[in-house]
Amino acid sequence: MAGKIIIDSERCKGCGLCVMVCPKSGIVISKQSNKNSYFPAQKNGIDCTGCAICAIMCPDAVIEVSRDDNVVSIKATKKSTPDLAKEKA
């Protein structure tokens, strides 16, 4: 299954988690910094399998993975915490 990744390099902080978990070693850390002076992750030309492990591991949710025209996007969401006062009442 062929896949494709898109990394938002301006929001990426270059933590390297995606680099470590990519089974095909298809992601590397860039030698050029972004506007925030971070060295972001980037694709290195190796075919992506579309496993989406990189997107799942990304703490900033800046990686989008697509497989066969289906987008597998992991978005950061703010989980709501129930109000304890209302919960106890």
C-alpha atoms as a PDB file:
ATOM      1  CA  MET A   1       0.000   0.000   0.000  1.00  0.00           C
ATOM      2  CA  ALA A   2       1.553   3.275  -1.096  1.00  0.00           C
ATOM      3  CA  GLY A   3       1.382   6.244   1.200  1.00  0.00           C
ATOM      4  CA  LYS A   4       2.294   9.892   1.264  1.00  0.00           C
ATOM      5  CA  ILE A   5       3.182  12.159   4.173  1.00  0.00           C
ATOM      6  CA  ILE A   6       2.919  15.913   4.478  1.00  0.00           C
ATOM      7  CA  ILE A   7       4.856  17.571   7.293  1.00  0.00           C
ATOM      8  CA  ASP A   8       4.036  21.154   8.285  1.00  0.00           C
ATOM      9  CA  SER A   9       7.671  22.201   8.547  1.00  0.00           C
ATOM     10  CA  GLU A  10       6.868  25.634   9.987  1.00  0.00           C
ATOM     11  CA  ARG A  11       5.104  24.095  13.001  1.00  0.00           C
ATOM     12  CA  CYS A  12       7.470  21.128  13.463  1.00  0.00           C
ATOM     13  CA  LYS A  13       9.869  21.439  16.418  1.00  0.00           C
ATOM     14  CA  GLY A  14      12.221  18.704  15.215  1.00  0.00           C
ATOM     15  CA  CYS A  15      11.793  16.411  18.215  1.00  0.00           C
ATOM     16  CA  GLY A  16      12.700  13.401  16.069  1.00  0.00           C
ATOM     17  CA  LEU A  17      10.014  11.029  17.332  1.00  0.00           C
ATOM     18  CA  CYS A  18       8.718  10.470  13.798  1.00  0.00           C
ATOM     19  CA  VAL A  19      12.262   9.734  12.600  1.00  0.00           C
ATOM     20  CA  MET A  20      12.687   7.057  15.275  1.00  0.00           C
ATOM     21  CA  VAL A  21       9.402   5.244  14.584  1.00  0.00           C
ATOM     22  CA  CYS A  22       9.334   5.253  10.764  1.00  0.00           C
ATOM     23  CA  PRO A  23       9.758   1.602   9.724  1.00  0.00           C
ATOM     24  CA  LYS A  24      11.213   2.562   6.323  1.00  0.00           C
ATOM     25  CA  SER A  25      13.505   5.355   7.621  1.00  0.00           C
ATOM     26  CA  GLY A  26      11.621   7.719   5.331  1.00  0.00           C
ATOM     27  CA  ILE A  27      11.887  10.787   7.575  1.00  0.00           C
ATOM     28  CA  VAL A  28      15.002  12.757   8.527  1.00  0.00           C
ATOM     29  CA  ILE A  29      15.732  15.982  10.376  1.00  0.00           C
ATOM     30  CA  SER A  30      16.333  18.911   8.023  1.00  0.00           C
ATOM     31  CA  LYS A  31      19.656  20.725   7.904  1.00  0.00           C
ATOM     32  CA  GLN A  32      17.786  24.037   7.464  1.00  0.00           C
ATOM     33  CA  SER A  33      15.837  25.672  10.258  1.00  0.00           C
ATOM     34  CA  ASN A  34      12.285  26.949  10.021  1.00  0.00           C
ATOM     35  CA  LYS A  35      11.122  30.458  10.968  1.00  0.00           C
ATOM     36  CA  ASN A  36      11.081  29.453  14.653  1.00  0.00           C
ATOM     37  CA  SER A  37      14.733  28.296  14.477  1.00  0.00           C
ATOM     38  CA  TYR A  38      13.808  24.615  14.845  1.00  0.00           C
ATOM     39  CA  PHE A  39      15.210  21.973  12.515  1.00  0.00           C
ATOM     40  CA  PRO A  40      12.014  20.257  11.307  1.00  0.00           C
ATOM     41  CA  ALA A  41      11.458  16.737  10.090  1.00  0.00           C
ATOM     42  CA  GLN A  42      11.260  16.168   6.350  1.00  0.00           C
ATOM     43  CA  LYS A  43      10.721  13.303   3.910  1.00  0.00           C
ATOM     44  CA  ASN A  44      13.904  11.818   2.512  1.00  0.00           C
ATOM     45  CA  GLY A  45      12.580  10.333  -0.715  1.00  0.00           C
ATOM     46  CA  ILE A  46      12.023   6.754   0.449  1.00  0.00           C
ATOM     47  CA  ASP A  47       8.600   5.339  -0.395  1.00  0.00           C
ATOM     48  CA  CYS A  48       6.102   5.715   2.435  1.00  0.00           C
ATOM     49  CA  THR A  49       3.976   2.707   3.397  1.00  0.00           C
ATOM     50  CA  GLY A  50       1.194   4.865   4.834  1.00  0.00           C
ATOM     51  CA  CYS A  51       1.343   3.195   8.255  1.00  0.00           C
ATOM     52  CA  ALA A  52       0.743   6.588   9.979  1.00  0.00           C
ATOM     53  CA  ILE A  53       2.930   5.722  12.985  1.00  0.00           C
ATOM     54  CA  CYS A  54       4.751   9.033  12.479  1.00  0.00           C
ATOM     55  CA  ALA A  55       1.490  10.993  12.654  1.00  0.00           C
ATOM     56  CA  ILE A  56       0.399   9.119  15.773  1.00  0.00           C
ATOM     57  CA  MET A  57       3.726   9.807  17.519  1.00  0.00           C
ATOM     58  CA  CYS A  58       3.909  13.499  16.582  1.00  0.00           C
ATOM     59  CA  PRO A  59       3.223  15.512  19.763  1.00  0.00           C
ATOM     60  CA  ASP A  60       2.348  18.634  17.753  1.00  0.00           C
ATOM     61  CA  ALA A  61       0.117  16.876  15.168  1.00  0.00           C
ATOM     62  CA  VAL A  62       1.981  18.376  12.205  1.00  0.00           C
ATOM     63  CA  ILE A  63       2.096  15.217  10.059  1.00  0.00           C
ATOM     64  CA  GLU A  64      -0.685  14.189   7.701  1.00  0.00           C
ATOM     65  CA  VAL A  65      -0.608  10.753   6.085  1.00  0.00           C
ATOM     66  CA  SER A  66      -2.626   9.661   3.080  1.00  0.00           C
ATOM     67  CA  ARG A  67      -3.061   6.184   1.618  1.00  0.00           C
ATOM     68  CA  ASP A  68      -4.700   5.543  -1.718  1.00  0.00           C
ATOM     69  CA  ASP A  69      -6.551   8.902  -1.643  1.00  0.00           C
ATOM     70  CA  ASN A  70      -7.755   8.354   1.940  1.00  0.00           C
ATOM     71  CA  VAL A  71      -6.360  10.838   4.443  1.00  0.00           C
ATOM     72  CA  VAL A  72      -5.351   9.464   7.820  1.00  0.00           C
ATOM     73  CA  SER A  73      -4.904  12.597   9.871  1.00  0.00           C
ATOM     74  CA  ILE A  74      -4.144  12.678  13.547  1.00  0.00           C
ATOM     75  CA  LYS A  75      -5.340  15.981  14.946  1.00  0.00           C
ATOM     76  CA  ALA A  76      -4.534  17.312  18.379  1.00  0.00           C
ATOM     77  CA  THR A  77      -7.750  17.899  20.263  1.00  0.00           C
ATOM     78  CA  LYS A  78      -8.310  19.601  23.560  1.00  0.00           C
ATOM     79  CA  LYS A  79     -10.094  17.102  25.755  1.00  0.00           C
ATOM     80  CA  SER A  80     -12.714  18.630  27.947  1.00  0.00           C
ATOM     81  CA  THR A  81     -12.449  17.969  31.643  1.00  0.00           C
ATOM     82  CA  PRO A  82     -15.755  17.583  33.427  1.00  0.00           C
ATOM     83  CA  ASP A  83     -16.418  20.221  36.044  1.00  0.00           C
ATOM     84  CA  LEU A  84     -15.824  18.454  39.357  1.00  0.00           C
ATOM     85  CA  ALA A  85     -18.325  20.660  41.195  1.00  0.00           C
ATOM     86  CA  LYS A  86     -21.104  19.651  38.795  1.00  0.00           C
ATOM     87  CA  GLU A  87     -19.962  16.029  38.913  1.00  0.00           C
ATOM     88  CA  LYS A  88     -20.182  15.891  42.731  1.00  0.00           C
ATOM     89  CA  ALA A  89     -23.606  17.575  42.853  1.00  0.00           C
END
